[in-house]
C-alpha atoms as a PDB file:
ATOM      1  CA  UNK A   1     -36.497  24.276  28.967  1.00  0.00           C
ATOM      2  CA  UNK A   2     -34.112  21.810  27.104  1.00  0.00           C
ATOM      3  CA  UNK A   3     -35.370  18.421  26.346  1.00  0.00           C
ATOM      4  CA  UNK A   4     -32.742  16.149  27.717  1.00  0.00           C
ATOM      5  CA  UNK A   5     -33.825  13.375  25.387  1.00  0.00           C
ATOM      6  CA  UNK A   6     -33.495  15.454  22.120  1.00  0.00           C
ATOM      7  CA  UNK A   7     -30.769  14.718  19.733  1.00  0.00           C
ATOM      8  CA  UNK A   8     -29.768  17.458  17.267  1.00  0.00           C
ATOM      9  CA  UNK A   9     -29.844  16.515  13.543  1.00  0.00           C
ATOM     10  CA  UNK A  10     -26.808  17.153  11.366  1.00  0.00           C
ATOM     11  CA  UNK A  11     -28.941  19.264   9.109  1.00  0.00           C
ATOM     12  CA  UNK A  12     -30.085  21.429  12.269  1.00  0.00           C
ATOM     13  CA  UNK A  13     -26.520  22.063  13.329  1.00  0.00           C
ATOM     14  CA  UNK A  14     -25.278  22.720   9.752  1.00  0.00           C
ATOM     15  CA  UNK A  15     -28.055  25.448   9.460  1.00  0.00           C
ATOM     16  CA  UNK A  16     -26.916  26.757  12.786  1.00  0.00           C
ATOM     17  CA  UNK A  17     -23.200  26.819  11.757  1.00  0.00           C
ATOM     18  CA  UNK A  18     -23.708  28.090   8.327  1.00  0.00           C
ATOM     19  CA  UNK A  19     -26.142  31.030   9.580  1.00  0.00           C
ATOM     20  CA  UNK A  20     -23.732  31.987  12.264  1.00  0.00           C
ATOM     21  CA  UNK A  21     -20.676  32.098   9.938  1.00  0.00           C
ATOM     22  CA  UNK A  22     -22.289  33.853   7.141  1.00  0.00           C
ATOM     23  CA  UNK A  23     -24.565  35.948   9.374  1.00  0.00           C
ATOM     24  CA  UNK A  24     -27.076  35.845   6.426  1.00  0.00           C
ATOM     25  CA  UNK A  25     -29.816  33.419   5.708  1.00  0.00           C
ATOM     26  CA  UNK A  26     -29.572  33.680   2.050  1.00  0.00           C
ATOM     27  CA  UNK A  27     -25.887  33.214   1.952  1.00  0.00           C
ATOM     28  CA  UNK A  28     -26.156  30.367   4.258  1.00  0.00           C
ATOM     29  CA  UNK A  29     -28.411  28.555   2.458  1.00  0.00           C
ATOM     30  CA  UNK A  30     -26.633  29.068  -0.704  1.00  0.00           C
ATOM     31  CA  UNK A  31     -23.499  27.583   0.780  1.00  0.00           C
ATOM     32  CA  UNK A  32     -25.493  24.489   2.008  1.00  0.00           C
ATOM     33  CA  UNK A  33     -27.402  24.204  -1.452  1.00  0.00           C
ATOM     34  CA  UNK A  34     -30.864  24.358   0.367  1.00  0.00           C
ATOM     35  CA  UNK A  35     -33.543  26.849  -0.060  1.00  0.00           C
ATOM     36  CA  UNK A  36     -33.965  29.465   2.619  1.00  0.00           C
ATOM     37  CA  UNK A  37     -37.114  28.106   3.798  1.00  0.00           C
ATOM     38  CA  UNK A  38     -35.530  24.661   4.226  1.00  0.00           C
ATOM     39  CA  UNK A  39     -32.733  26.401   6.144  1.00  0.00           C
ATOM     40  CA  UNK A  40     -35.193  28.291   8.487  1.00  0.00           C
ATOM     41  CA  UNK A  41     -37.016  25.054   9.194  1.00  0.00           C
ATOM     42  CA  UNK A  42     -34.103  23.193  10.366  1.00  0.00           C
ATOM     43  CA  UNK A  43     -32.766  26.014  12.406  1.00  0.00           C
ATOM     44  CA  UNK A  44     -36.054  26.542  14.190  1.00  0.00           C
ATOM     45  CA  UNK A  45     -36.363  22.684  14.664  1.00  0.00           C
ATOM     46  CA  UNK A  46     -33.046  22.833  16.424  1.00  0.00           C
ATOM     47  CA  UNK A  47     -33.765  25.689  18.543  1.00  0.00           C
ATOM     48  CA  UNK A  48     -37.210  24.205  19.661  1.00  0.00           C
ATOM     49  CA  UNK A  49     -35.579  20.843  20.436  1.00  0.00           C
ATOM     50  CA  UNK A  50     -32.638  22.659  22.539  1.00  0.00           C
ATOM     51  CA  UNK A  51     -35.302  25.053  24.075  1.00  0.00           C
ATOM     52  CA  UNK A  52     -32.894  27.875  23.684  1.00  0.00           C
ATOM     53  CA  UNK A  53     -32.622  30.625  21.074  1.00  0.00           C
ATOM     54  CA  UNK A  54     -29.226  30.484  19.019  1.00  0.00           C
ATOM     55  CA  UNK A  55     -30.036  33.305  16.368  1.00  0.00           C
ATOM     56  CA  UNK A  56     -31.574  36.652  16.915  1.00  0.00           C
ATOM     57  CA  UNK A  57     -33.400  37.449  13.777  1.00  0.00           C
ATOM     58  CA  UNK A  58     -33.813  41.070  12.652  1.00  0.00           C
ATOM     59  CA  UNK A  59     -34.778  42.769   9.216  1.00  0.00           C
ATOM     60  CA  UNK A  60     -31.340  43.947   8.610  1.00  0.00           C
ATOM     61  CA  UNK A  61     -28.858  41.601  10.412  1.00  0.00           C
ATOM     62  CA  UNK A  62     -28.427  38.205  11.976  1.00  0.00           C
ATOM     63  CA  UNK A  63     -26.862  37.972  15.551  1.00  0.00           C
ATOM     64  CA  UNK A  64     -25.873  35.144  17.864  1.00  0.00           C
ATOM     65  CA  UNK A  65     -27.682  34.959  21.090  1.00  0.00           C
ATOM     66  CA  UNK A  66     -25.403  34.450  24.234  1.00  0.00           C
ATOM     67  CA  UNK A  67     -26.584  30.814  23.958  1.00  0.00           C
ATOM     68  CA  UNK A  68     -25.581  30.665  20.329  1.00  0.00           C
ATOM     69  CA  UNK A  69     -22.024  32.009  21.048  1.00  0.00           C
ATOM     70  CA  UNK A  70     -21.610  29.428  23.829  1.00  0.00           C
ATOM     71  CA  UNK A  71     -22.798  26.491  21.625  1.00  0.00           C
ATOM     72  CA  UNK A  72     -21.163  27.338  18.311  1.00  0.00           C
ATOM     73  CA  UNK A  73     -17.866  25.848  18.861  1.00  0.00           C
ATOM     74  CA  UNK A  74     -19.459  22.511  19.825  1.00  0.00           C
ATOM     75  CA  UNK A  75     -21.530  22.698  16.641  1.00  0.00           C
ATOM     76  CA  UNK A  76     -18.700  23.397  14.318  1.00  0.00           C
ATOM     77  CA  UNK A  77     -16.937  20.450  16.126  1.00  0.00           C
ATOM     78  CA  UNK A  78     -19.740  18.216  15.384  1.00  0.00           C
ATOM     79  CA  UNK A  79     -19.846  19.235  11.951  1.00  0.00           C
ATOM     80  CA  UNK A  80     -16.181  18.633  11.467  1.00  0.00           C
ATOM     81  CA  UNK A  81     -16.432  15.176  12.831  1.00  0.00           C
ATOM     82  CA  UNK A  82     -19.453  14.323  10.571  1.00  0.00           C
ATOM     83  CA  UNK A  83     -17.344  15.463   7.544  1.00  0.00           C
ATOM     84  CA  UNK A  84     -14.468  13.536   8.482  1.00  0.00           C
ATOM     85  CA  UNK A  85     -16.707  10.415   9.334  1.00  0.00           C
ATOM     86  CA  UNK A  86     -18.100  10.691   5.813  1.00  0.00           C
ATOM     87  CA  UNK A  87     -14.626  11.122   4.338  1.00  0.00           C
ATOM     88  CA  UNK A  88     -13.490   8.027   6.357  1.00  0.00           C
ATOM     89  CA  UNK A  89     -16.611   6.124   4.993  1.00  0.00           C
ATOM     90  CA  UNK A  90     -15.844   7.095   1.453  1.00  0.00           C
ATOM     91  CA  UNK A  91     -12.105   5.837   1.583  1.00  0.00           C
ATOM     92  CA  UNK A  92     -13.429   2.444   3.256  1.00  0.00           C
ATOM     93  CA  UNK A  93     -15.754   1.953   0.271  1.00  0.00           C
ATOM     94  CA  UNK A  94     -12.849   2.960  -1.992  1.00  0.00           C
ATOM     95  CA  UNK A  95      -9.565   1.714  -0.695  1.00  0.00           C
ATOM     96  CA  UNK A  96      -7.660   3.582  -3.302  1.00  0.00           C
ATOM     97  CA  UNK A  97      -8.706   6.776  -1.625  1.00  0.00           C
ATOM     98  CA  UNK A  98      -8.058   5.509   1.870  1.00  0.00           C
ATOM     99  CA  UNK A  99      -5.711   3.654   3.831  1.00  0.00           C
ATOM    100  CA  UNK A 100      -4.135   0.295   2.586  1.00  0.00           C
ATOM    101  CA  UNK A 101      -1.863  -1.804   4.754  1.00  0.00           C
ATOM    102  CA  UNK A 102       0.437  -3.174   1.936  1.00  0.00           C
ATOM    103  CA  UNK A 103       2.913  -5.997   2.909  1.00  0.00           C
ATOM    104  CA  UNK A 104       5.886  -6.531   1.032  1.00  0.00           C
ATOM    105  CA  UNK A 105       8.629  -9.278   1.209  1.00  0.00           C
ATOM    106  CA  UNK A 106      12.199  -8.315   1.898  1.00  0.00           C
ATOM    107  CA  UNK A 107      13.547  -9.322  -1.533  1.00  0.00           C
ATOM    108  CA  UNK A 108      11.117  -6.939  -3.280  1.00  0.00           C
ATOM    109  CA  UNK A 109      10.462  -3.961  -0.910  1.00  0.00           C
ATOM    110  CA  UNK A 110      13.909  -2.260  -1.232  1.00  0.00           C
ATOM    111  CA  UNK A 111      14.090  -2.636  -4.975  1.00  0.00           C
ATOM    112  CA  UNK A 112      10.605  -1.383  -6.027  1.00  0.00           C
ATOM    113  CA  UNK A 113       9.553   1.244  -3.210  1.00  0.00           C
ATOM    114  CA  UNK A 114      11.467   4.090  -4.695  1.00  0.00           C
ATOM    115  CA  UNK A 115       9.320   3.651  -7.946  1.00  0.00           C
ATOM    116  CA  UNK A 116       6.094   2.810  -6.381  1.00  0.00           C
ATOM    117  CA  UNK A 117       5.809   5.294  -3.571  1.00  0.00           C
ATOM    118  CA  UNK A 118       6.691   8.167  -6.176  1.00  0.00           C
ATOM    119  CA  UNK A 119       4.421   6.749  -8.897  1.00  0.00           C
ATOM    120  CA  UNK A 120       1.289   5.835  -6.742  1.00  0.00           C
ATOM    121  CA  UNK A 121       1.580   9.291  -4.823  1.00  0.00           C
ATOM    122  CA  UNK A 122       1.225  11.051  -8.477  1.00  0.00           C
ATOM    123  CA  UNK A 123      -1.349   8.585  -9.744  1.00  0.00           C
ATOM    124  CA  UNK A 124      -3.522   7.996  -6.609  1.00  0.00           C
ATOM    125  CA  UNK A 125      -2.798  10.995  -4.432  1.00  0.00           C
ATOM    126  CA  UNK A 126      -5.868  10.105  -2.137  1.00  0.00           C
ATOM    127  CA  UNK A 127      -4.230   6.679  -1.315  1.00  0.00           C
ATOM    128  CA  UNK A 128      -2.275   6.381   2.076  1.00  0.00           C
ATOM    129  CA  UNK A 129      -0.055   3.240   2.185  1.00  0.00           C
ATOM    130  CA  UNK A 130       1.028   1.696   5.445  1.00  0.00           C
ATOM    131  CA  UNK A 131       3.984  -0.711   4.644  1.00  0.00           C
ATOM    132  CA  UNK A 132       4.705  -4.078   6.273  1.00  0.00           C
ATOM    133  CA  UNK A 133       7.892  -5.729   5.345  1.00  0.00           C
ATOM    134  CA  UNK A 134       8.055  -9.299   6.348  1.00  0.00           C
ATOM    135  CA  UNK A 135       8.271 -13.021   5.014  1.00  0.00           C
ATOM    136  CA  UNK A 136       5.810 -14.391   2.940  1.00  0.00           C
ATOM    137  CA  UNK A 137       4.061 -16.780   5.515  1.00  0.00           C
ATOM    138  CA  UNK A 138       3.808 -13.997   8.004  1.00  0.00           C
ATOM    139  CA  UNK A 139       2.174 -11.756   5.542  1.00  0.00           C
ATOM    140  CA  UNK A 140      -0.154 -14.423   4.463  1.00  0.00           C
ATOM    141  CA  UNK A 141      -0.883 -14.998   8.085  1.00  0.00           C
ATOM    142  CA  UNK A 142      -1.564 -11.190   8.239  1.00  0.00           C
ATOM    143  CA  UNK A 143      -3.959 -11.388   5.381  1.00  0.00           C
ATOM    144  CA  UNK A 144      -5.793 -14.129   7.203  1.00  0.00           C
ATOM    145  CA  UNK A 145      -6.233 -12.395  10.429  1.00  0.00           C
ATOM    146  CA  UNK A 146      -6.920  -9.103   8.930  1.00  0.00           C
ATOM    147  CA  UNK A 147      -3.653  -7.231   9.913  1.00  0.00           C
ATOM    148  CA  UNK A 148      -2.768  -6.844   6.293  1.00  0.00           C
ATOM    149  CA  UNK A 149      -4.868  -5.715   3.438  1.00  0.00           C
ATOM    150  CA  UNK A 150      -2.831  -6.685   0.603  1.00  0.00           C
ATOM    151  CA  UNK A 151       0.894  -7.932  -0.302  1.00  0.00           C
ATOM    152  CA  UNK A 152       3.313  -8.027  -2.798  1.00  0.00           C
ATOM    153  CA  UNK A 153       4.771 -11.623  -2.945  1.00  0.00           C
ATOM    154  CA  UNK A 154       6.290 -14.239  -5.057  1.00  0.00           C
ATOM    155  CA  UNK A 155       3.580 -16.357  -6.737  1.00  0.00           C
ATOM    156  CA  UNK A 156       1.865 -18.722  -6.498  1.00  0.00           C
ATOM    157  CA  UNK A 157       0.722 -18.381  -2.998  1.00  0.00           C
ATOM    158  CA  UNK A 158      -1.138 -21.547  -3.069  1.00  0.00           C
ATOM    159  CA  UNK A 159      -3.272 -20.535  -0.173  1.00  0.00           C
ATOM    160  CA  UNK A 160      -7.051 -20.991   0.083  1.00  0.00           C
ATOM    161  CA  UNK A 161      -9.179 -17.672   0.394  1.00  0.00           C
ATOM    162  CA  UNK A 162      -6.358 -15.688  -1.271  1.00  0.00           C
ATOM    163  CA  UNK A 163      -6.802 -14.075  -4.690  1.00  0.00           C
ATOM    164  CA  UNK A 164      -3.633 -13.444  -6.686  1.00  0.00           C
ATOM    165  CA  UNK A 165      -2.965 -10.801  -9.444  1.00  0.00           C
ATOM    166  CA  UNK A 166       0.088 -11.563 -11.402  1.00  0.00           C
ATOM    167  CA  UNK A 167       2.021  -8.337 -11.917  1.00  0.00           C
ATOM    168  CA  UNK A 168       5.417  -8.919 -13.219  1.00  0.00           C
ATOM    169  CA  UNK A 169       8.144 -11.625 -14.112  1.00  0.00           C
ATOM    170  CA  UNK A 170      11.822 -11.128 -13.593  1.00  0.00           C
ATOM    171  CA  UNK A 171      14.811 -13.130 -14.220  1.00  0.00           C
ATOM    172  CA  UNK A 172      17.491 -14.410 -11.514  1.00  0.00           C
ATOM    173  CA  UNK A 173      21.015 -13.177 -12.038  1.00  0.00           C
ATOM    174  CA  UNK A 174      23.995 -15.073 -10.741  1.00  0.00           C
ATOM    175  CA  UNK A 175      25.956 -12.819  -8.263  1.00  0.00           C
ATOM    176  CA  UNK A 176      29.760 -13.486  -8.306  1.00  0.00           C
ATOM    177  CA  UNK A 177      32.659 -12.101  -6.358  1.00  0.00           C
ATOM    178  CA  UNK A 178      35.258  -9.899  -8.280  1.00  0.00           C
ATOM    179  CA  UNK A 179      37.280 -11.596 -10.727  1.00  0.00           C
ATOM    180  CA  UNK A 180      35.355 -14.864 -10.777  1.00  0.00           C
ATOM    181  CA  UNK A 181      35.638 -16.580 -14.011  1.00  0.00           C
ATOM    182  CA  UNK A 182      31.926 -16.667 -14.998  1.00  0.00           C
ATOM    183  CA  UNK A 183      31.720 -12.786 -14.506  1.00  0.00           C
ATOM    184  CA  UNK A 184      30.066 -11.349 -17.504  1.00  0.00           C
ATOM    185  CA  UNK A 185      29.001 -14.380 -19.098  1.00  0.00           C
ATOM    186  CA  UNK A 186      25.604 -14.273 -20.836  1.00  0.00           C
ATOM    187  CA  UNK A 187      24.810 -17.925 -21.192  1.00  0.00           C
ATOM    188  CA  UNK A 188      25.687 -19.930 -18.003  1.00  0.00           C
ATOM    189  CA  UNK A 189      23.788 -23.066 -17.742  1.00  0.00           C
ATOM    190  CA  UNK A 190      21.899 -23.654 -14.305  1.00  0.00           C
ATOM    191  CA  UNK A 191      24.009 -26.850 -14.001  1.00  0.00           C
ATOM    192  CA  UNK A 192      26.984 -24.686 -13.331  1.00  0.00           C
ATOM    193  CA  UNK A 193      25.524 -24.177  -9.686  1.00  0.00           C
ATOM    194  CA  UNK A 194      26.691 -27.606  -8.862  1.00  0.00           C
ATOM    195  CA  UNK A 195      30.203 -26.534  -8.718  1.00  0.00           C
ATOM    196  CA  UNK A 196      29.742 -23.246  -6.936  1.00  0.00           C
ATOM    197  CA  UNK A 197      29.381 -22.325  -3.136  1.00  0.00           C
ATOM    198  CA  UNK A 198      25.727 -21.052  -3.137  1.00  0.00           C
ATOM    199  CA  UNK A 199      24.893 -18.457  -0.487  1.00  0.00           C
ATOM    200  CA  UNK A 200      21.314 -18.775   0.683  1.00  0.00           C
ATOM    201  CA  UNK A 201      18.930 -16.649   2.737  1.00  0.00           C
ATOM    202  CA  UNK A 202      17.580 -17.909   5.891  1.00  0.00           C
ATOM    203  CA  UNK A 203      14.630 -20.186   6.339  1.00  0.00           C
ATOM    204  CA  UNK A 204      11.363 -18.502   5.577  1.00  0.00           C
ATOM    205  CA  UNK A 205      12.586 -16.532   2.649  1.00  0.00           C
ATOM    206  CA  UNK A 206      10.860 -17.573  -0.588  1.00  0.00           C
ATOM    207  CA  UNK A 207      14.092 -16.627  -2.450  1.00  0.00           C
ATOM    208  CA  UNK A 208      15.825 -19.327  -0.562  1.00  0.00           C
ATOM    209  CA  UNK A 209      13.233 -21.827  -1.896  1.00  0.00           C
ATOM    210  CA  UNK A 210      13.437 -20.491  -5.397  1.00  0.00           C
ATOM    211  CA  UNK A 211      17.125 -20.914  -5.589  1.00  0.00           C
ATOM    212  CA  UNK A 212      16.871 -24.353  -4.315  1.00  0.00           C
ATOM    213  CA  UNK A 213      14.249 -24.960  -6.938  1.00  0.00           C
ATOM    214  CA  UNK A 214      16.710 -23.741  -9.699  1.00  0.00           C
ATOM    215  CA  UNK A 215      19.083 -26.211  -8.690  1.00  0.00           C
ATOM    216  CA  UNK A 216      16.387 -29.078  -8.378  1.00  0.00           C
ATOM    217  CA  UNK A 217      14.978 -28.330 -11.958  1.00  0.00           C
ATOM    218  CA  UNK A 218      18.730 -28.353 -13.363  1.00  0.00           C
ATOM    219  CA  UNK A 219      19.233 -31.777 -11.700  1.00  0.00           C
ATOM    220  CA  UNK A 220      22.020 -30.763  -9.566  1.00  0.00           C
ATOM    221  CA  UNK A 221      22.766 -30.788  -5.746  1.00  0.00           C
ATOM    222  CA  UNK A 222      23.697 -27.381  -4.739  1.00  0.00           C
ATOM    223  CA  UNK A 223      27.000 -27.032  -2.908  1.00  0.00           C
ATOM    224  CA  UNK A 224      25.864 -24.889  -0.210  1.00  0.00           C
ATOM    225  CA  UNK A 225      28.084 -22.362   1.555  1.00  0.00           C
ATOM    226  CA  UNK A 226      28.351 -22.395   5.282  1.00  0.00           C
ATOM    227  CA  UNK A 227      27.166 -18.672   5.394  1.00  0.00           C
ATOM    228  CA  UNK A 228      23.428 -17.841   5.581  1.00  0.00           C
ATOM    229  CA  UNK A 229      22.167 -14.174   5.356  1.00  0.00           C
ATOM    230  CA  UNK A 230      19.169 -12.603   6.868  1.00  0.00           C
ATOM    231  CA  UNK A 231      18.638 -10.144   3.979  1.00  0.00           C
ATOM    232  CA  UNK A 232      19.603 -10.104   0.231  1.00  0.00           C
ATOM    233  CA  UNK A 233      22.020  -7.097   1.030  1.00  0.00           C
ATOM    234  CA  UNK A 234      23.953  -9.075   3.339  1.00  0.00           C
ATOM    235  CA  UNK A 235      24.205 -12.082   0.886  1.00  0.00           C
ATOM    236  CA  UNK A 236      25.420  -9.691  -1.693  1.00  0.00           C
ATOM    237  CA  UNK A 237      28.147  -8.398   0.666  1.00  0.00           C
ATOM    238  CA  UNK A 238      29.153 -11.916   1.566  1.00  0.00           C
ATOM    239  CA  UNK A 239      29.485 -12.479  -2.087  1.00  0.00           C
ATOM    240  CA  UNK A 240      31.703  -9.533  -2.860  1.00  0.00           C
ATOM    241  CA  UNK A 241      33.920 -10.777   0.078  1.00  0.00           C
ATOM    242  CA  UNK A 242      34.530 -13.861  -1.475  1.00  0.00           C
ATOM    243  CA  UNK A 243      32.327 -16.200   0.616  1.00  0.00           C
ATOM    244  CA  UNK A 244      30.309 -17.806  -2.148  1.00  0.00           C
ATOM    245  CA  UNK A 245      27.781 -16.825  -4.876  1.00  0.00           C
ATOM    246  CA  UNK A 246      24.157 -16.217  -5.073  1.00  0.00           C
ATOM    247  CA  UNK A 247      21.021 -15.618  -6.977  1.00  0.00           C
ATOM    248  CA  UNK A 248      19.569 -12.030  -6.926  1.00  0.00           C
ATOM    249  CA  UNK A 249      16.394 -10.895  -8.928  1.00  0.00           C
ATOM    250  CA  UNK A 250      16.887  -8.634 -12.030  1.00  0.00           C
ATOM    251  CA  UNK A 251      14.939  -5.628 -10.118  1.00  0.00           C
ATOM    252  CA  UNK A 252      17.633  -5.864  -7.507  1.00  0.00           C
ATOM    253  CA  UNK A 253      20.640  -5.431  -9.808  1.00  0.00           C
ATOM    254  CA  UNK A 254      20.815  -1.638 -10.182  1.00  0.00           C
ATOM    255  CA  UNK A 255      20.774  -1.259  -6.456  1.00  0.00           C
ATOM    256  CA  UNK A 256      23.201  -3.851  -5.557  1.00  0.00           C
ATOM    257  CA  UNK A 257      25.631  -3.258  -8.330  1.00  0.00           C
ATOM    258  CA  UNK A 258      25.607   0.409  -7.307  1.00  0.00           C
ATOM    259  CA  UNK A 259      26.779  -0.087  -3.738  1.00  0.00           C
ATOM    260  CA  UNK A 260      29.155  -3.036  -4.129  1.00  0.00           C
ATOM    261  CA  UNK A 261      31.866  -4.634  -6.424  1.00  0.00           C
ATOM    262  CA  UNK A 262      29.442  -7.197  -7.467  1.00  0.00           C
ATOM    263  CA  UNK A 263      30.136  -9.190 -10.598  1.00  0.00           C
ATOM    264  CA  UNK A 264      27.079 -10.658 -12.640  1.00  0.00           C
ATOM    265  CA  UNK A 265      26.433 -13.600 -15.006  1.00  0.00           C
ATOM    266  CA  UNK A 266      23.240 -14.390 -16.709  1.00  0.00           C
ATOM    267  CA  UNK A 267      21.652 -17.669 -17.328  1.00  0.00           C
ATOM    268  CA  UNK A 268      20.991 -19.300 -20.700  1.00  0.00           C
ATOM    269  CA  UNK A 269      17.420 -19.349 -21.899  1.00  0.00           C
ATOM    270  CA  UNK A 270      14.942 -20.141 -20.628  1.00  0.00           C
ATOM    271  CA  UNK A 271      16.332 -18.376 -17.708  1.00  0.00           C
ATOM    272  CA  UNK A 272      15.101 -19.270 -14.296  1.00  0.00           C
ATOM    273  CA  UNK A 273      13.251 -16.413 -12.614  1.00  0.00           C
ATOM    274  CA  UNK A 274      10.182 -15.599 -10.523  1.00  0.00           C
ATOM    275  CA  UNK A 275       6.780 -14.040 -10.657  1.00  0.00           C
ATOM    276  CA  UNK A 276       5.677 -11.230  -8.153  1.00  0.00           C
ATOM    277  CA  UNK A 277       1.999 -10.309  -7.680  1.00  0.00           C
ATOM    278  CA  UNK A 278      -0.496  -8.663  -5.439  1.00  0.00           C
ATOM    279  CA  UNK A 279      -2.521 -10.872  -3.068  1.00  0.00           C
ATOM    280  CA  UNK A 280      -5.574 -10.168  -0.957  1.00  0.00           C
ATOM    281  CA  UNK A 281      -8.375 -11.889   0.770  1.00  0.00           C
ATOM    282  CA  UNK A 282     -10.970 -13.229  -1.546  1.00  0.00           C
ATOM    283  CA  UNK A 283     -13.800 -12.277   0.745  1.00  0.00           C
ATOM    284  CA  UNK A 284     -12.703  -8.665   1.113  1.00  0.00           C
ATOM    285  CA  UNK A 285     -15.143  -7.596  -1.761  1.00  0.00           C
ATOM    286  CA  UNK A 286     -12.255  -5.309  -3.108  1.00  0.00           C
ATOM    287  CA  UNK A 287     -11.156  -7.301  -6.217  1.00  0.00           C
ATOM    288  CA  UNK A 288     -11.964  -4.346  -8.611  1.00  0.00           C
ATOM    289  CA  UNK A 289      -9.850  -1.531  -6.743  1.00  0.00           C
ATOM    290  CA  UNK A 290      -6.863  -4.102  -6.209  1.00  0.00           C
ATOM    291  CA  UNK A 291      -6.873  -5.017  -9.753  1.00  0.00           C
ATOM    292  CA  UNK A 292      -6.670  -1.360 -10.682  1.00  0.00           C
ATOM    293  CA  UNK A 293      -3.771  -0.845  -8.080  1.00  0.00           C
ATOM    294  CA  UNK A 294      -1.849  -4.085  -9.387  1.00  0.00           C
ATOM    295  CA  UNK A 295      -2.391  -2.449 -13.034  1.00  0.00           C
ATOM    296  CA  UNK A 296      -0.719   0.635 -11.634  1.00  0.00           C
ATOM    297  CA  UNK A 297       2.061  -1.145 -10.137  1.00  0.00           C
ATOM    298  CA  UNK A 298       2.735  -3.053 -13.185  1.00  0.00           C
ATOM    299  CA  UNK A 299       2.853   0.026 -15.366  1.00  0.00           C
ATOM    300  CA  UNK A 300       5.237   1.688 -12.819  1.00  0.00           C
ATOM    301  CA  UNK A 301       7.598  -1.197 -12.405  1.00  0.00           C
ATOM    302  CA  UNK A 302       7.731  -2.381 -16.019  1.00  0.00           C
ATOM    303  CA  UNK A 303       8.614   0.996 -17.323  1.00  0.00           C
ATOM    304  CA  UNK A 304      12.283   0.631 -16.558  1.00  0.00           C
ATOM    305  CA  UNK A 305      12.736  -2.562 -18.645  1.00  0.00           C
ATOM    306  CA  UNK A 306      14.223  -4.381 -15.413  1.00  0.00           C
ATOM    307  CA  UNK A 307      11.140  -6.391 -15.325  1.00  0.00           C
ATOM    308  CA  UNK A 308       8.379  -7.632 -17.636  1.00  0.00           C
ATOM    309  CA  UNK A 309       4.674  -7.657 -17.338  1.00  0.00           C
ATOM    310  CA  UNK A 310       3.361 -11.141 -16.257  1.00  0.00           C
ATOM    311  CA  UNK A 311       1.544 -13.122 -18.951  1.00  0.00           C
END
């Protein structure tokens, strides 16, 4: 009679499933990497606890009893679930072998994702990325409340409890409408922004603040255009339509020049720019794998020479 308080062990269920599938004690024991006596003991303990025979033993063959045939699918399901549980636990202990919720700011995501997704899939085949594109403050809020694991943002984040790993630096490039007098210039002084209608992204975009900071450091008051854009791609289209000029990061140049009639000018050294890095909760206990991830990202993104490793 079955003891309703009895709880089968995983070892007992593995022994039952292995013997049922191999129909041979020796082969089953070899599959599980245990001795035949250990296998027999685990199976006997399972049958005793359940109060039903699962395997009919003979000198030549192994047969499933009617109860064994009935219970085998459930036992197999338990073993599969236990295996999946162990795999999930392994992924949890090593985030680079599991799922990471990765945030990216909108002025980074469209320009680095093709390289990152292809490269990380090759370098870290066990990594599953869940991507979240949003503005910096909301990504930092997601980090604090646990809905985001790590994020690629412009540094410094200057937020307590957040660890920053610099990845790459890039210059800002002056985006101009077709035929603009500055088009093609290589040594434009930032003070030139005082005489240009500067298109900015909406409030909340860090690139907006960075563009204003370039003007502030140059000692000029920007002549802000009446148009504001929610995305860098929209700002570029407004520029090509003659509504003003804007600053774009070097990483955006190949994409934005390929899909529009954008003209460019480059600032004199020291060129204004920004630093992009990976941020995560300091309390996560995952600094080592995140530093490994940041290192791989840097190798992938700096390989095309559009950006340079952060120093």
